[in-house]
C-alpha atoms as a PDB file:
ATOM      1  CA  MET A   1     -11.051  -3.907  26.000  1.00  0.00           C
ATOM      2  CA  GLN A   2      -9.461  -0.694  27.207  1.00  0.00           C
ATOM      3  CA  ALA A   3      -5.889   0.185  26.281  1.00  0.00           C
ATOM      4  CA  ALA A   4      -3.432   0.414  29.138  1.00  0.00           C
ATOM      5  CA  LEU A   5      -1.922   3.817  29.741  1.00  0.00           C
ATOM      6  CA  CYS A   6       1.814   4.256  29.548  1.00  0.00           C
ATOM      7  CA  PHE A   7       3.305   6.322  32.350  1.00  0.00           C
ATOM      8  CA  THR A   8       6.446   8.446  32.473  1.00  0.00           C
ATOM      9  CA  ARG A   9       8.921   8.526  35.354  1.00  0.00           C
ATOM     10  CA  MET A  10       6.947  11.314  37.018  1.00  0.00           C
ATOM     11  CA  ASN A  11       3.874   9.039  37.086  1.00  0.00           C
ATOM     12  CA  LYS A  12       2.062  11.144  34.481  1.00  0.00           C
ATOM     13  CA  ALA A  13       0.333   9.545  31.512  1.00  0.00           C
ATOM     14  CA  ALA A  14       2.743   9.529  28.580  1.00  0.00           C
ATOM     15  CA  ASP A  15       1.861  11.577  25.539  1.00  0.00           C
ATOM     16  CA  PRO A  16       1.337   9.224  22.557  1.00  0.00           C
ATOM     17  CA  ASP A  17       2.955  11.742  20.196  1.00  0.00           C
ATOM     18  CA  ALA A  18       6.028  11.923  22.443  1.00  0.00           C
ATOM     19  CA  LEU A  19       6.249   8.129  22.494  1.00  0.00           C
ATOM     20  CA  LEU A  20       5.999   8.000  18.710  1.00  0.00           C
ATOM     21  CA  ALA A  21       8.712  10.640  18.421  1.00  0.00           C
ATOM     22  CA  GLN A  22      10.982   8.550  20.654  1.00  0.00           C
ATOM     23  CA  ILE A  23      10.337   5.438  18.581  1.00  0.00           C
ATOM     24  CA  ARG A  24      10.954   7.313  15.330  1.00  0.00           C
ATOM     25  CA  ALA A  25      14.276   8.590  16.709  1.00  0.00           C
ATOM     26  CA  MET A  26      15.500   5.015  17.230  1.00  0.00           C
ATOM     27  CA  PRO A  27      17.694   3.190  14.732  1.00  0.00           C
ATOM     28  CA  VAL A  28      15.658   1.320  12.114  1.00  0.00           C
ATOM     29  CA  ALA A  29      16.447  -2.121  13.560  1.00  0.00           C
ATOM     30  CA  ASP A  30      15.176  -1.048  16.979  1.00  0.00           C
ATOM     31  CA  ARG A  31      12.025   0.468  15.461  1.00  0.00           C
ATOM     32  CA  HIS A  32      11.319  -2.818  13.696  1.00  0.00           C
ATOM     33  CA  ARG A  33      11.784  -4.728  16.960  1.00  0.00           C
ATOM     34  CA  VAL A  34       9.421  -2.373  18.822  1.00  0.00           C
ATOM     35  CA  THR A  35       6.868  -2.615  16.014  1.00  0.00           C
ATOM     36  CA  ALA A  36       7.085  -6.413  16.011  1.00  0.00           C
ATOM     37  CA  GLU A  37       6.593  -6.554  19.787  1.00  0.00           C
ATOM     38  CA  LEU A  38       3.572  -4.244  19.621  1.00  0.00           C
ATOM     39  CA  LEU A  39       2.009  -6.275  16.814  1.00  0.00           C
ATOM     40  CA  ASP A  40       2.652  -9.529  18.692  1.00  0.00           C
ATOM     41  CA  ASP A  41       0.888  -8.120  21.752  1.00  0.00           C
ATOM     42  CA  LEU A  42      -2.009  -6.933  19.615  1.00  0.00           C
ATOM     43  CA  ASP A  43      -2.313 -10.314  17.903  1.00  0.00           C
ATOM     44  CA  GLU A  44      -2.362 -12.156  21.246  1.00  0.00           C
ATOM     45  CA  ASP A  45      -5.407 -10.199  22.416  1.00  0.00           C
ATOM     46  CA  PHE A  46      -7.271 -10.106  19.117  1.00  0.00           C
ATOM     47  CA  VAL A  47      -9.651 -12.862  18.090  1.00  0.00           C
ATOM     48  CA  GLU A  48     -11.678 -12.685  14.902  1.00  0.00           C
ATOM     49  CA  PRO A  49     -15.413 -13.279  15.427  1.00  0.00           C
ATOM     50  CA  PRO A  50     -16.549 -16.664  14.031  1.00  0.00           C
ATOM     51  CA  ALA A  51     -18.921 -14.972  11.565  1.00  0.00           C
ATOM     52  CA  LEU A  52     -16.047 -12.966  10.083  1.00  0.00           C
ATOM     53  CA  LEU A  53     -13.858 -16.065   9.819  1.00  0.00           C
ATOM     54  CA  ASP A  54     -16.684 -17.882   8.028  1.00  0.00           C
ATOM     55  CA  GLU A  55     -17.107 -14.987   5.595  1.00  0.00           C
ATOM     56  CA  LEU A  56     -13.359 -14.821   4.892  1.00  0.00           C
ATOM     57  CA  ARG A  57     -13.232 -18.583   4.370  1.00  0.00           C
ATOM     58  CA  GLN A  58     -16.183 -18.410   1.960  1.00  0.00           C
ATOM     59  CA  ARG A  59     -14.624 -15.535   0.020  1.00  0.00           C
ATOM     60  CA  ALA A  60     -11.347 -17.435  -0.294  1.00  0.00           C
ATOM     61  CA  GLN A  61     -13.151 -20.552  -1.522  1.00  0.00           C
ATOM     62  CA  ASP A  62     -15.135 -18.496  -4.046  1.00  0.00           C
ATOM     63  CA  ALA A  63     -11.975 -16.769  -5.283  1.00  0.00           C
ATOM     64  CA  LEU A  64     -10.197 -20.098  -5.742  1.00  0.00           C
ATOM     65  CA  ALA A  65     -13.194 -21.669  -7.461  1.00  0.00           C
ATOM     66  CA  HIS A  66     -13.708 -18.714  -9.842  1.00  0.00           C
ATOM     67  CA  PRO A  67     -10.360 -17.008 -10.614  1.00  0.00           C
ATOM     68  CA  GLU A  68     -11.903 -15.285 -13.650  1.00  0.00           C
ATOM     69  CA  ARG A  69     -13.920 -13.076 -11.265  1.00  0.00           C
ATOM     70  CA  ALA A  70     -10.799 -11.737  -9.559  1.00  0.00           C
ATOM     71  CA  ILE A  71     -10.165  -8.022  -9.392  1.00  0.00           C
ATOM     72  CA  SER A  72      -7.018  -6.759 -11.103  1.00  0.00           C
ATOM     73  CA  LEU A  73      -4.059  -5.548  -9.077  1.00  0.00           C
ATOM     74  CA  GLU A  74      -4.518  -2.052 -10.479  1.00  0.00           C
ATOM     75  CA  ASP A  75      -8.196  -1.980  -9.481  1.00  0.00           C
ATOM     76  CA  SER A  76      -7.343  -3.304  -6.042  1.00  0.00           C
ATOM     77  CA  ILE A  77      -4.728  -0.580  -5.530  1.00  0.00           C
ATOM     78  CA  ALA A  78      -7.143   2.083  -6.782  1.00  0.00           C
ATOM     79  CA  GLN A  79      -9.822   0.895  -4.346  1.00  0.00           C
ATOM     80  CA  ALA A  80      -7.349   0.908  -1.444  1.00  0.00           C
ATOM     81  CA  ARG A  81      -6.203   4.431  -2.310  1.00  0.00           C
ATOM     82  CA  ALA A  82      -9.798   5.641  -2.558  1.00  0.00           C
ATOM     83  CA  ALA A  83     -10.636   4.104   0.822  1.00  0.00           C
ATOM     84  CA  ALA A  84      -7.566   5.720   2.406  1.00  0.00           C
ATOM     85  CA  ALA A  85      -8.464   9.099   0.892  1.00  0.00           C
ATOM     86  CA  LYS A  86     -12.003   8.772   2.238  1.00  0.00           C
ATOM     87  CA  VAL A  87     -10.686   8.082   5.752  1.00  0.00           C
ATOM     88  CA  ARG A  88      -8.247  11.006   5.544  1.00  0.00           C
ATOM     89  CA  ALA A  89     -11.053  13.309   4.381  1.00  0.00           C
ATOM     90  CA  ARG A  90     -13.201  12.225   7.321  1.00  0.00           C
ATOM     91  CA  LYS A  91     -10.375  12.964   9.766  1.00  0.00           C
ATOM     92  CA  ALA A  92      -9.707  16.407   8.273  1.00  0.00           C
END
């Protein structure tokens, strides 16, 4: 699936950074509405592959059946931060 380009009034492709700047300049309520609309559009077009759904279902069943194996909130946050740092390092 290829993303549609957004065009300005002069029929030039809009700069994504300029669009983000415009959205960030909006009042908070309007930003939330724009964000919600974008996420709704994304959700409409996105379908999880059956194999991924099966894996998620199995993980949820395992977690419910064995709560003693659960990861702590602190460990979960630490893992998320480490993953984010790894992505940022790759982009830099």
